[in-house]
Amino acid sequence: AIETLRTALLELGAEQIGTTAKHDAASATPATELADAWARDL
């Protein structure tokens, strides 16, 4: 889903900042923890 949105935004001329974060529900890392670290990097 995020790739679908990302592709559409790029196609329409938007510029991406940073890398796409992809949380895996099968991982032990909570999504909010990954989001916090990713946002701080941004």
Full PDB file with SEQRES, HELIX, SHEET, SSBOND, CRYST1, ORIGX, SCALE, CONECT and MASTER records, all heavy atoms in Angstrom:
SEQRES   1 A   42  ALA ILE GLU THR LEU ARG THR ALA LEU LEU GLU LEU GLY          
SEQRES   2 A   42  ALA GLU GLN ILE GLY THR THR ALA LYS HIS ASP ALA ALA          
SEQRES   3 A   42  SER ALA THR PRO ALA THR GLU LEU ALA ASP ALA TRP ALA          
SEQRES   4 A   42  ARG ASP LEU                                                  
HELIX    1 AA1 ILE A    2  GLU A   11  1                                  10    
HELIX    2 AA2 ALA A   31  ASP A   41  1                                  11    
CRYST1    1.000    1.000    1.000  90.00  90.00  90.00 P 1           1          
ORIGX1      1.000000  0.000000  0.000000        0.00000                         
ORIGX2      0.000000  1.000000  0.000000        0.00000                         
ORIGX3      0.000000  0.000000  1.000000        0.00000                         
SCALE1      1.000000  0.000000  0.000000        0.00000                         
SCALE2      0.000000  1.000000  0.000000        0.00000                         
SCALE3      0.000000  0.000000  1.000000        0.00000                         
ATOM      1  N   ALA A   1       0.823  -1.216   0.000  1.00  0.00           N  
ATOM      2  CA  ALA A   1       0.000   0.000   0.000  1.00  0.00           C  
ATOM      3  C   ALA A   1       0.853   1.260   0.000  1.00  0.00           C  
ATOM      4  O   ALA A   1       0.591   2.194  -0.766  1.00  0.00           O  
ATOM      5  CB  ALA A   1      -0.962   0.004   1.191  1.00  0.00           C  
ATOM      6  N   ILE A   2       1.888   1.315   0.838  1.00  0.00           N  
ATOM      7  CA  ILE A   2       2.717   2.519   0.869  1.00  0.00           C  
ATOM      8  C   ILE A   2       3.470   2.655  -0.447  1.00  0.00           C  
ATOM      9  O   ILE A   2       3.698   3.771  -0.930  1.00  0.00           O  
ATOM     10  CB  ILE A   2       3.656   2.560   2.103  1.00  0.00           C  
ATOM     11  CG1 ILE A   2       4.153   3.988   2.346  1.00  0.00           C  
ATOM     12  CG2 ILE A   2       4.802   1.581   1.969  1.00  0.00           C  
ATOM     13  CD1 ILE A   2       3.092   5.000   2.687  1.00  0.00           C  
ATOM     14  N   GLU A   3       3.837   1.546  -1.067  1.00  0.00           N  
ATOM     15  CA  GLU A   3       4.503   1.610  -2.378  1.00  0.00           C  
ATOM     16  C   GLU A   3       3.549   2.137  -3.447  1.00  0.00           C  
ATOM     17  O   GLU A   3       3.958   2.884  -4.334  1.00  0.00           O  
ATOM     18  CB  GLU A   3       5.063   0.243  -2.769  1.00  0.00           C  
ATOM     19  CG  GLU A   3       6.316  -0.127  -2.008  1.00  0.00           C  
ATOM     20  CD  GLU A   3       7.449   0.883  -2.180  1.00  0.00           C  
ATOM     21  OE1 GLU A   3       7.657   1.400  -3.296  1.00  0.00           O  
ATOM     22  OE2 GLU A   3       8.121   1.174  -1.170  1.00  0.00           O  
ATOM     23  N   THR A   4       2.284   1.756  -3.366  1.00  0.00           N  
ATOM     24  CA  THR A   4       1.279   2.251  -4.312  1.00  0.00           C  
ATOM     25  C   THR A   4       1.137   3.765  -4.183  1.00  0.00           C  
ATOM     26  O   THR A   4       1.137   4.493  -5.189  1.00  0.00           O  
ATOM     27  CB  THR A   4      -0.075   1.558  -4.064  1.00  0.00           C  
ATOM     28  OG1 THR A   4       0.094   0.152  -4.266  1.00  0.00           O  
ATOM     29  CG2 THR A   4      -1.155   2.084  -5.001  1.00  0.00           C  
ATOM     30  N   LEU A   5       1.040   4.258  -2.955  1.00  0.00           N  
ATOM     31  CA  LEU A   5       0.933   5.708  -2.732  1.00  0.00           C  
ATOM     32  C   LEU A   5       2.212   6.419  -3.160  1.00  0.00           C  
ATOM     33  O   LEU A   5       2.172   7.448  -3.847  1.00  0.00           O  
ATOM     34  CB  LEU A   5       0.642   6.006  -1.262  1.00  0.00           C  
ATOM     35  CG  LEU A   5      -0.773   5.724  -0.781  1.00  0.00           C  
ATOM     36  CD1 LEU A   5      -0.853   5.844   0.735  1.00  0.00           C  
ATOM     37  CD2 LEU A   5      -1.764   6.654  -1.449  1.00  0.00           C  
ATOM     38  N   ARG A   6       3.353   5.881  -2.781  1.00  0.00           N  
ATOM     39  CA  ARG A   6       4.647   6.470  -3.106  1.00  0.00           C  
ATOM     40  C   ARG A   6       4.824   6.595  -4.627  1.00  0.00           C  
ATOM     41  O   ARG A   6       5.243   7.639  -5.130  1.00  0.00           O  
ATOM     42  CB  ARG A   6       5.748   5.588  -2.499  1.00  0.00           C  
ATOM     43  CG  ARG A   6       7.125   6.084  -2.679  1.00  0.00           C  
ATOM     44  CD  ARG A   6       8.117   5.078  -2.044  1.00  0.00           C  
ATOM     45  NE  ARG A   6       9.420   5.302  -2.587  1.00  0.00           N  
ATOM     46  CZ  ARG A   6       9.848   4.879  -3.762  1.00  0.00           C  
ATOM     47  NH1 ARG A   6       9.077   4.150  -4.531  1.00  0.00           N  
ATOM     48  NH2 ARG A   6      11.069   5.160  -4.168  1.00  0.00           N  
ATOM     49  N   THR A   7       4.498   5.553  -5.346  1.00  0.00           N  
ATOM     50  CA  THR A   7       4.623   5.564  -6.803  1.00  0.00           C  
ATOM     51  C   THR A   7       3.740   6.647  -7.417  1.00  0.00           C  
ATOM     52  O   THR A   7       4.165   7.382  -8.316  1.00  0.00           O  
ATOM     53  CB  THR A   7       4.262   4.177  -7.375  1.00  0.00           C  
ATOM     54  OG1 THR A   7       5.179   3.221  -6.835  1.00  0.00           O  
ATOM     55  CG2 THR A   7       4.328   4.153  -8.886  1.00  0.00           C  
ATOM     56  N   ALA A   8       2.517   6.779  -6.935  1.00  0.00           N  
ATOM     57  CA  ALA A   8       1.601   7.798  -7.453  1.00  0.00           C  
ATOM     58  C   ALA A   8       2.135   9.201  -7.184  1.00  0.00           C  
ATOM     59  O   ALA A   8       2.104  10.074  -8.070  1.00  0.00           O  
ATOM     60  CB  ALA A   8       0.212   7.634  -6.828  1.00  0.00           C  
ATOM     61  N   LEU A   9       2.636   9.438  -5.983  1.00  0.00           N  
ATOM     62  CA  LEU A   9       3.152  10.759  -5.632  1.00  0.00           C  
ATOM     63  C   LEU A   9       4.353  11.128  -6.500  1.00  0.00           C  
ATOM     64  O   LEU A   9       4.442  12.254  -7.008  1.00  0.00           O  
ATOM     65  CB  LEU A   9       3.535  10.788  -4.153  1.00  0.00           C  
ATOM     66  CG  LEU A   9       2.368  10.628  -3.176  1.00  0.00           C  
ATOM     67  CD1 LEU A   9       2.878  10.315  -1.775  1.00  0.00           C  
ATOM     68  CD2 LEU A   9       1.479  11.856  -3.173  1.00  0.00           C  
ATOM     69  N   LEU A  10       5.262  10.197  -6.692  1.00  0.00           N  
ATOM     70  CA  LEU A  10       6.429  10.449  -7.544  1.00  0.00           C  
ATOM     71  C   LEU A  10       6.016  10.712  -8.990  1.00  0.00           C  
ATOM     72  O   LEU A  10       6.544  11.618  -9.641  1.00  0.00           O  
ATOM     73  CB  LEU A  10       7.408   9.274  -7.468  1.00  0.00           C  
ATOM     74  CG  LEU A  10       8.126   9.098  -6.130  1.00  0.00           C  
ATOM     75  CD1 LEU A  10       8.855   7.755  -6.100  1.00  0.00           C  
ATOM     76  CD2 LEU A  10       9.090  10.253  -5.876  1.00  0.00           C  
ATOM     77  N   GLU A  11       5.060   9.938  -9.464  1.00  0.00           N  
ATOM     78  CA  GLU A  11       4.566  10.098 -10.835  1.00  0.00           C  
ATOM     79  C   GLU A  11       3.979  11.489 -11.061  1.00  0.00           C  
ATOM     80  O   GLU A  11       4.071  12.046 -12.158  1.00  0.00           O  
ATOM     81  CB  GLU A  11       3.514   9.021 -11.110  1.00  0.00           C  
ATOM     82  CG  GLU A  11       2.959   9.020 -12.523  1.00  0.00           C  
ATOM     83  CD  GLU A  11       1.929   7.924 -12.718  1.00  0.00           C  
ATOM     84  OE1 GLU A  11       2.170   6.782 -12.261  1.00  0.00           O  
ATOM     85  OE2 GLU A  11       0.884   8.213 -13.320  1.00  0.00           O  
ATOM     86  N   LEU A  12       3.402  12.064 -10.015  1.00  0.00           N  
ATOM     87  CA  LEU A  12       2.756  13.374 -10.136  1.00  0.00           C  
ATOM     88  C   LEU A  12       3.697  14.535  -9.802  1.00  0.00           C  
ATOM     89  O   LEU A  12       3.265  15.679  -9.737  1.00  0.00           O  
ATOM     90  CB  LEU A  12       1.505  13.412  -9.257  1.00  0.00           C  
ATOM     91  CG  LEU A  12       0.419  12.416  -9.679  1.00  0.00           C  
ATOM     92  CD1 LEU A  12      -0.690  12.351  -8.645  1.00  0.00           C  
ATOM     93  CD2 LEU A  12      -0.135  12.771 -11.051  1.00  0.00           C  
ATOM     94  N   GLY A  13       4.981  14.226  -9.602  1.00  0.00           N  
ATOM     95  CA  GLY A  13       5.974  15.281  -9.449  1.00  0.00           C  
ATOM     96  C   GLY A  13       6.463  15.567  -8.049  1.00  0.00           C  
ATOM     97  O   GLY A  13       7.327  16.421  -7.863  1.00  0.00           O  
ATOM     98  N   ALA A  14       5.936  14.865  -7.036  1.00  0.00           N  
ATOM     99  CA  ALA A  14       6.397  15.089  -5.669  1.00  0.00           C  
ATOM    100  C   ALA A  14       7.801  14.499  -5.498  1.00  0.00           C  
ATOM    101  O   ALA A  14       8.204  13.593  -6.232  1.00  0.00           O  
ATOM    102  CB  ALA A  14       5.430  14.465  -4.667  1.00  0.00           C  
ATOM    103  N   GLU A  15       8.525  15.015  -4.523  1.00  0.00           N  
ATOM    104  CA  GLU A  15       9.882  14.558  -4.241  1.00  0.00           C  
ATOM    105  C   GLU A  15       9.897  13.871  -2.880  1.00  0.00           C  
ATOM    106  O   GLU A  15       9.406  14.428  -1.894  1.00  0.00           O  
ATOM    107  CB  GLU A  15      10.827  15.758  -4.218  1.00  0.00           C  
ATOM    108  CG  GLU A  15      12.240  15.438  -3.813  1.00  0.00           C  
ATOM    109  CD  GLU A  15      13.080  16.685  -3.593  1.00  0.00           C  
ATOM    110  OE1 GLU A  15      12.635  17.800  -3.925  1.00  0.00           O  
ATOM    111  OE2 GLU A  15      14.185  16.533  -3.059  1.00  0.00           O  
ATOM    112  N   GLN A  16      10.472  12.675  -2.836  1.00  0.00           N  
ATOM    113  CA  GLN A  16      10.517  11.945  -1.562  1.00  0.00           C  
ATOM    114  C   GLN A  16      11.677  12.421  -0.703  1.00  0.00           C  
ATOM    115  O   GLN A  16      12.784  12.665  -1.192  1.00  0.00           O  
ATOM    116  CB  GLN A  16      10.637  10.440  -1.794  1.00  0.00           C  
ATOM    117  CG  GLN A  16      10.561   9.665  -0.491  1.00  0.00           C  
ATOM    118  CD  GLN A  16      10.367   8.174  -0.667  1.00  0.00           C  
ATOM    119  OE1 GLN A  16      10.237   7.683  -1.778  1.00  0.00           O  
ATOM    120  NE2 GLN A  16      10.335   7.453   0.434  1.00  0.00           N  
ATOM    121  N   ILE A  17      11.406  12.532   0.589  1.00  0.00           N  
ATOM    122  CA  ILE A  17      12.411  12.861   1.603  1.00  0.00           C  
ATOM    123  C   ILE A  17      12.775  11.559   2.309  1.00  0.00           C  
ATOM    124  O   ILE A  17      11.901  10.865   2.826  1.00  0.00           O  
ATOM    125  CB  ILE A  17      11.850  13.837   2.658  1.00  0.00           C  
ATOM    126  CG1 ILE A  17      11.292  15.091   2.020  1.00  0.00           C  
ATOM    127  CG2 ILE A  17      12.916  14.175   3.694  1.00  0.00           C  
ATOM    128  CD1 ILE A  17      10.435  15.925   2.976  1.00  0.00           C  
ATOM    129  N   GLY A  18      14.031  11.227   2.362  1.00  0.00           N  
ATOM    130  CA  GLY A  18      14.472  10.047   3.099  1.00  0.00           C  
ATOM    131  C   GLY A  18      14.030   8.744   2.455  1.00  0.00           C  
ATOM    132  O   GLY A  18      13.552   8.708   1.324  1.00  0.00           O  
ATOM    133  N   THR A  19      14.192   7.680   3.204  1.00  0.00           N  
ATOM    134  CA  THR A  19      13.827   6.354   2.723  1.00  0.00           C  
ATOM    135  C   THR A  19      12.435   5.974   3.225  1.00  0.00           C  
ATOM    136  O   THR A  19      11.972   6.490   4.236  1.00  0.00           O  
ATOM    137  CB  THR A  19      14.831   5.285   3.209  1.00  0.00           C  
ATOM    138  OG1 THR A  19      14.839   5.287   4.626  1.00  0.00           O  
ATOM    139  CG2 THR A  19      16.232   5.560   2.682  1.00  0.00           C  
ATOM    140  N   THR A  20      11.799   5.076   2.519  1.00  0.00           N  
ATOM    141  CA  THR A  20      10.487   4.584   2.944  1.00  0.00           C  
ATOM    142  C   THR A  20      10.683   3.617   4.108  1.00  0.00           C  
ATOM    143  O   THR A  20      11.439   2.653   4.005  1.00  0.00           O  
ATOM    144  CB  THR A  20       9.785   3.855   1.782  1.00  0.00           C  
ATOM    145  OG1 THR A  20       9.676   4.741   0.673  1.00  0.00           O  
ATOM    146  CG2 THR A  20       8.407   3.364   2.190  1.00  0.00           C  
ATOM    147  N   ALA A  21      10.013   3.894   5.207  1.00  0.00           N  
ATOM    148  CA  ALA A  21      10.046   2.990   6.358  1.00  0.00           C  
ATOM    149  C   ALA A  21       9.004   1.907   6.132  1.00  0.00           C  
ATOM    150  O   ALA A  21       7.894   2.186   5.672  1.00  0.00           O  
ATOM    151  CB  ALA A  21       9.751   3.749   7.645  1.00  0.00           C  
ATOM    152  N   LYS A  22       9.373   0.674   6.473  1.00  0.00           N  
ATOM    153  CA  LYS A  22       8.447  -0.446   6.296  1.00  0.00           C  
ATOM    154  C   LYS A  22       8.448  -1.290   7.556  1.00  0.00           C  
ATOM    155  O   LYS A  22       9.371  -2.066   7.793  1.00  0.00           O  
ATOM    156  CB  LYS A  22       8.844  -1.281   5.079  1.00  0.00           C  
ATOM    157  CG  LYS A  22       8.710  -0.514   3.781  1.00  0.00           C  
ATOM    158  CD  LYS A  22       9.066  -1.364   2.589  1.00  0.00           C  
ATOM    159  CE  LYS A  22       8.868  -0.578   1.301  1.00  0.00           C  
ATOM    160  NZ  LYS A  22       9.217  -1.373   0.122  1.00  0.00           N  
ATOM    161  N   HIS A  23       7.400  -1.090   8.353  1.00  0.00           N  
ATOM    162  CA  HIS A  23       7.279  -1.890   9.571  1.00  0.00           C  
ATOM    163  C   HIS A  23       6.741  -3.269   9.228  1.00  0.00           C  
ATOM    164  O   HIS A  23       5.861  -3.414   8.378  1.00  0.00           O  
ATOM    165  CB  HIS A  23       6.351  -1.225  10.590  1.00  0.00           C  
ATOM    166  CG  HIS A  23       6.245  -2.028  11.829  1.00  0.00           C  
ATOM    167  ND1 HIS A  23       5.197  -2.890  12.060  1.00  0.00           N  
ATOM    168  CD2 HIS A  23       7.087  -2.150  12.887  1.00  0.00           C  
ATOM    169  CE1 HIS A  23       5.395  -3.494  13.215  1.00  0.00           C  
ATOM    170  NE2 HIS A  23       6.533  -3.062  13.745  1.00  0.00           N  
ATOM    171  N   ASP A  24       7.279  -4.272   9.898  1.00  0.00           N  
ATOM    172  CA  ASP A  24       6.853  -5.654   9.708  1.00  0.00           C  
ATOM    173  C   ASP A  24       6.144  -6.126  10.974  1.00  0.00           C  
ATOM    174  O   ASP A  24       6.759  -6.199  12.043  1.00  0.00           O  
ATOM    175  CB  ASP A  24       8.075  -6.524   9.419  1.00  0.00           C  
ATOM    176  CG  ASP A  24       7.735  -7.966   9.117  1.00  0.00           C  
ATOM    177  OD1 ASP A  24       6.536  -8.340   9.167  1.00  0.00           O  
ATOM    178  OD2 ASP A  24       8.672  -8.735   8.820  1.00  0.00           O  
ATOM    179  N   ALA A  25       4.877  -6.438  10.838  1.00  0.00           N  
ATOM    180  CA  ALA A  25       4.098  -6.903  11.990  1.00  0.00           C  
ATOM    181  C   ALA A  25       4.659  -8.197  12.561  1.00  0.00           C  
ATOM    182  O   ALA A  25       4.422  -8.517  13.730  1.00  0.00           O  
ATOM    183  CB  ALA A  25       2.638  -7.108  11.595  1.00  0.00           C  
ATOM    184  N   ALA A  26       5.431  -8.943  11.769  1.00  0.00           N  
ATOM    185  CA  ALA A  26       6.021 -10.189  12.241  1.00  0.00           C  
ATOM    186  C   ALA A  26       7.288  -9.956  13.064  1.00  0.00           C  
ATOM    187  O   ALA A  26       7.827 -10.891  13.645  1.00  0.00           O  
ATOM    188  CB  ALA A  26       6.337 -11.094  11.047  1.00  0.00           C  
ATOM    189  N   SER A  27       7.748  -8.715  13.132  1.00  0.00           N  
ATOM    190  CA  SER A  27       8.965  -8.407  13.893  1.00  0.00           C  
ATOM    191  C   SER A  27       8.620  -8.155  15.363  1.00  0.00           C  
ATOM    192  O   SER A  27       7.466  -7.941  15.716  1.00  0.00           O  
ATOM    193  CB  SER A  27       9.666  -7.175  13.322  1.00  0.00           C  
ATOM    194  OG  SER A  27       8.983  -5.993  13.691  1.00  0.00           O  
ATOM    195  N   ALA A  28       9.649  -8.123  16.184  1.00  0.00           N  
ATOM    196  CA  ALA A  28       9.452  -7.861  17.608  1.00  0.00           C  
ATOM    197  C   ALA A  28       9.416  -6.367  17.907  1.00  0.00           C  
ATOM    198  O   ALA A  28       9.077  -5.966  19.017  1.00  0.00           O  
ATOM    199  CB  ALA A  28      10.567  -8.521  18.406  1.00  0.00           C  
ATOM    200  N   THR A  29       9.748  -5.533  16.923  1.00  0.00           N  
ATOM    201  CA  THR A  29       9.796  -4.092  17.123  1.00  0.00           C  
ATOM    202  C   THR A  29       8.393  -3.496  16.968  1.00  0.00           C  
ATOM    203  O   THR A  29       7.765  -3.680  15.922  1.00  0.00           O  
ATOM    204  CB  THR A  29      10.729  -3.425  16.095  1.00  0.00           C  
ATOM    205  OG1 THR A  29      12.005  -4.042  16.180  1.00  0.00           O  
ATOM    206  CG2 THR A  29      10.845  -1.932  16.335  1.00  0.00           C  
ATOM    207  N   PRO A  30       7.910  -2.788  17.974  1.00  0.00           N  
ATOM    208  CA  PRO A  30       6.607  -2.124  17.837  1.00  0.00           C  
ATOM    209  C   PRO A  30       6.661  -1.055  16.723  1.00  0.00           C  
ATOM    210  O   PRO A  30       7.690  -0.388  16.549  1.00  0.00           O  
ATOM    211  CB  PRO A  30       6.378  -1.471  19.195  1.00  0.00           C  
ATOM    212  CG  PRO A  30       7.304  -2.175  20.139  1.00  0.00           C  
ATOM    213  CD  PRO A  30       8.482  -2.592  19.316  1.00  0.00           C  
ATOM    214  N   ALA A  31       5.578  -0.896  16.003  1.00  0.00           N  
ATOM    215  CA  ALA A  31       5.511   0.079  14.913  1.00  0.00           C  
ATOM    216  C   ALA A  31       5.798   1.484  15.419  1.00  0.00           C  
ATOM    217  O   ALA A  31       6.487   2.273  14.747  1.00  0.00           O  
ATOM    218  CB  ALA A  31       4.141   0.026  14.237  1.00  0.00           C  
ATOM    219  N   THR A  32       5.311   1.826  16.592  1.00  0.00           N  
ATOM    220  CA  THR A  32       5.518   3.176  17.119  1.00  0.00           C  
ATOM    221  C   THR A  32       6.987   3.429  17.452  1.00  0.00           C  
ATOM    222  O   THR A  32       7.473   4.540  17.309  1.00  0.00           O  
ATOM    223  CB  THR A  32       4.626   3.432  18.347  1.00  0.00           C  
ATOM    224  OG1 THR A  32       4.846   2.392  19.306  1.00  0.00           O  
ATOM    225  CG2 THR A  32       3.160   3.465  17.962  1.00  0.00           C  
ATOM    226  N   GLU A  33       7.705   2.394  17.867  1.00  0.00           N  
ATOM    227  CA  GLU A  33       9.138   2.539  18.155  1.00  0.00           C  
ATOM    228  C   GLU A  33       9.914   2.806  16.863  1.00  0.00           C  
ATOM    229  O   GLU A  33      10.773   3.681  16.807  1.00  0.00           O  
ATOM    230  CB  GLU A  33       9.661   1.271  18.837  1.00  0.00           C  
ATOM    231  CG  GLU A  33      11.099   1.357  19.299  1.00  0.00           C  
ATOM    232  CD  GLU A  33      11.531   0.092  20.027  1.00  0.00           C  
ATOM    233  OE1 GLU A  33      10.784  -0.378  20.903  1.00  0.00           O  
ATOM    234  OE2 GLU A  33      12.617  -0.422  19.702  1.00  0.00           O  
ATOM    235  N   LEU A  34       9.612   2.055  15.816  1.00  0.00           N  
ATOM    236  CA  LEU A  34      10.260   2.278  14.519  1.00  0.00           C  
ATOM    237  C   LEU A  34       9.906   3.666  13.992  1.00  0.00           C  
ATOM    238  O   LEU A  34      10.769   4.383  13.474  1.00  0.00           O  
ATOM    239  CB  LEU A  34       9.836   1.203  13.512  1.00  0.00           C  
ATOM    240  CG  LEU A  34      10.402   1.354  12.097  1.00  0.00           C  
ATOM    241  CD1 LEU A  34      11.921   1.250  12.102  1.00  0.00           C  
ATOM    242  CD2 LEU A  34       9.784   0.319  11.175  1.00  0.00           C  
ATOM    243  N   ALA A  35       8.650   4.058  14.138  1.00  0.00           N  
ATOM    244  CA  ALA A  35       8.196   5.368  13.655  1.00  0.00           C  
ATOM    245  C   ALA A  35       8.929   6.502  14.353  1.00  0.00           C  
ATOM    246  O   ALA A  35       9.318   7.488  13.716  1.00  0.00           O  
ATOM    247  CB  ALA A  35       6.686   5.513  13.851  1.00  0.00           C  
ATOM    248  N   ASP A  36       9.123   6.369  15.649  1.00  0.00           N  
ATOM    249  CA  ASP A  36       9.812   7.399  16.416  1.00  0.00           C  
ATOM    250  C   ASP A  36      11.246   7.574  15.908  1.00  0.00           C  
ATOM    251  O   ASP A  36      11.688   8.695  15.642  1.00  0.00           O  
ATOM    252  CB  ASP A  36       9.795   7.035  17.903  1.00  0.00           C  
ATOM    253  CG  ASP A  36      10.383   8.121  18.766  1.00  0.00           C  
ATOM    254  OD1 ASP A  36       9.728   9.161  18.938  1.00  0.00           O  
ATOM    255  OD2 ASP A  36      11.517   7.920  19.265  1.00  0.00           O  
ATOM    256  N   ALA A  37      11.978   6.475  15.757  1.00  0.00           N  
ATOM    257  CA  ALA A  37      13.364   6.539  15.286  1.00  0.00           C  
ATOM    258  C   ALA A  37      13.427   7.077  13.856  1.00  0.00           C  
ATOM    259  O   ALA A  37      14.283   7.910  13.527  1.00  0.00           O  
ATOM    260  CB  ALA A  37      14.005   5.152  15.369  1.00  0.00           C  
ATOM    261  N   TRP A  38      12.520   6.624  13.007  1.00  0.00           N  
ATOM    262  CA  TRP A  38      12.483   7.064  11.608  1.00  0.00           C  
ATOM    263  C   TRP A  38      12.187   8.557  11.519  1.00  0.00           C  
ATOM    264  O   TRP A  38      12.846   9.285  10.763  1.00  0.00           O  
ATOM    265  CB  TRP A  38      11.428   6.239  10.864  1.00  0.00           C  
ATOM    266  CG  TRP A  38      11.186   6.624   9.444  1.00  0.00           C  
ATOM    267  CD1 TRP A  38      11.946   6.294   8.361  1.00  0.00           C  
ATOM    268  CD2 TRP A  38      10.091   7.381   8.945  1.00  0.00           C  
ATOM    269  NE1 TRP A  38      11.391   6.813   7.224  1.00  0.00           N  
ATOM    270  CE2 TRP A  38      10.247   7.478   7.555  1.00  0.00           C  
ATOM    271  CE3 TRP A  38       8.982   7.982   9.550  1.00  0.00           C  
ATOM    272  CZ2 TRP A  38       9.343   8.156   6.747  1.00  0.00           C  
ATOM    273  CZ3 TRP A  38       8.080   8.652   8.744  1.00  0.00           C  
ATOM    274  CH2 TRP A  38       8.261   8.737   7.364  1.00  0.00           C  
ATOM    275  N   ALA A  39      11.239   9.036  12.291  1.00  0.00           N  
ATOM    276  CA  ALA A  39      10.882  10.461  12.273  1.00  0.00           C  
ATOM    277  C   ALA A  39      12.052  11.313  12.762  1.00  0.00           C  
ATOM    278  O   ALA A  39      12.318  12.388  12.214  1.00  0.00           O  
ATOM    279  CB  ALA A  39       9.632  10.714  13.117  1.00  0.00           C  
ATOM    280  N   ARG A  40      12.769  10.847  13.758  1.00  0.00           N  
ATOM    281  CA  ARG A  40      13.935  11.592  14.255  1.00  0.00           C  
ATOM    282  C   ARG A  40      15.016  11.683  13.175  1.00  0.00           C  
ATOM    283  O   ARG A  40      15.680  12.714  13.034  1.00  0.00           O  
ATOM    284  CB  ARG A  40      14.481  10.962  15.534  1.00  0.00           C  
ATOM    285  CG  ARG A  40      13.534  11.179  16.695  1.00  0.00           C  
ATOM    286  CD  ARG A  40      14.047  10.695  18.024  1.00  0.00           C  
ATOM    287  NE  ARG A  40      12.984  10.743  19.010  1.00  0.00           N  
ATOM    288  CZ  ARG A  40      12.480  11.835  19.548  1.00  0.00           C  
ATOM    289  NH1 ARG A  40      12.945  13.007  19.184  1.00  0.00           N  
ATOM    290  NH2 ARG A  40      11.497  11.782  20.428  1.00  0.00           N  
ATOM    291  N   ASP A  41      15.186  10.616  12.404  1.00  0.00           N  
ATOM    292  CA  ASP A  41      16.137  10.658  11.283  1.00  0.00           C  
ATOM    293  C   ASP A  41      15.681  11.649  10.218  1.00  0.00           C  
ATOM    294  O   ASP A  41      16.493  12.366   9.626  1.00  0.00           O  
ATOM    295  CB  ASP A  41      16.292   9.273  10.636  1.00  0.00           C  
ATOM    296  CG  ASP A  41      17.107   8.310  11.496  1.00  0.00           C  
ATOM    297  OD1 ASP A  41      17.808   8.769  12.428  1.00  0.00           O  
ATOM    298  OD2 ASP A  41      17.052   7.105  11.217  1.00  0.00           O  
ATOM    299  N   LEU A  42      14.376  11.716   9.983  1.00  0.00           N  
ATOM    300  CA  LEU A  42      13.836  12.659   8.977  1.00  0.00           C  
ATOM    301  C   LEU A  42      14.071  14.115   9.361  1.00  0.00           C  
ATOM    302  O   LEU A  42      14.216  14.958   8.491  1.00  0.00           O  
ATOM    303  CB  LEU A  42      12.328  12.447   8.815  1.00  0.00           C  
ATOM    304  CG  LEU A  42      11.856  11.379   7.862  1.00  0.00           C  
ATOM    305  CD1 LEU A  42      10.331  11.359   7.841  1.00  0.00           C  
ATOM    306  CD2 LEU A  42      12.393  11.569   6.473  1.00  0.00           C  
TER     307      LEU A  42                                                      
MASTER        0    0    0    2    0    0    0    6  306    1    0    4          
END                                                                             
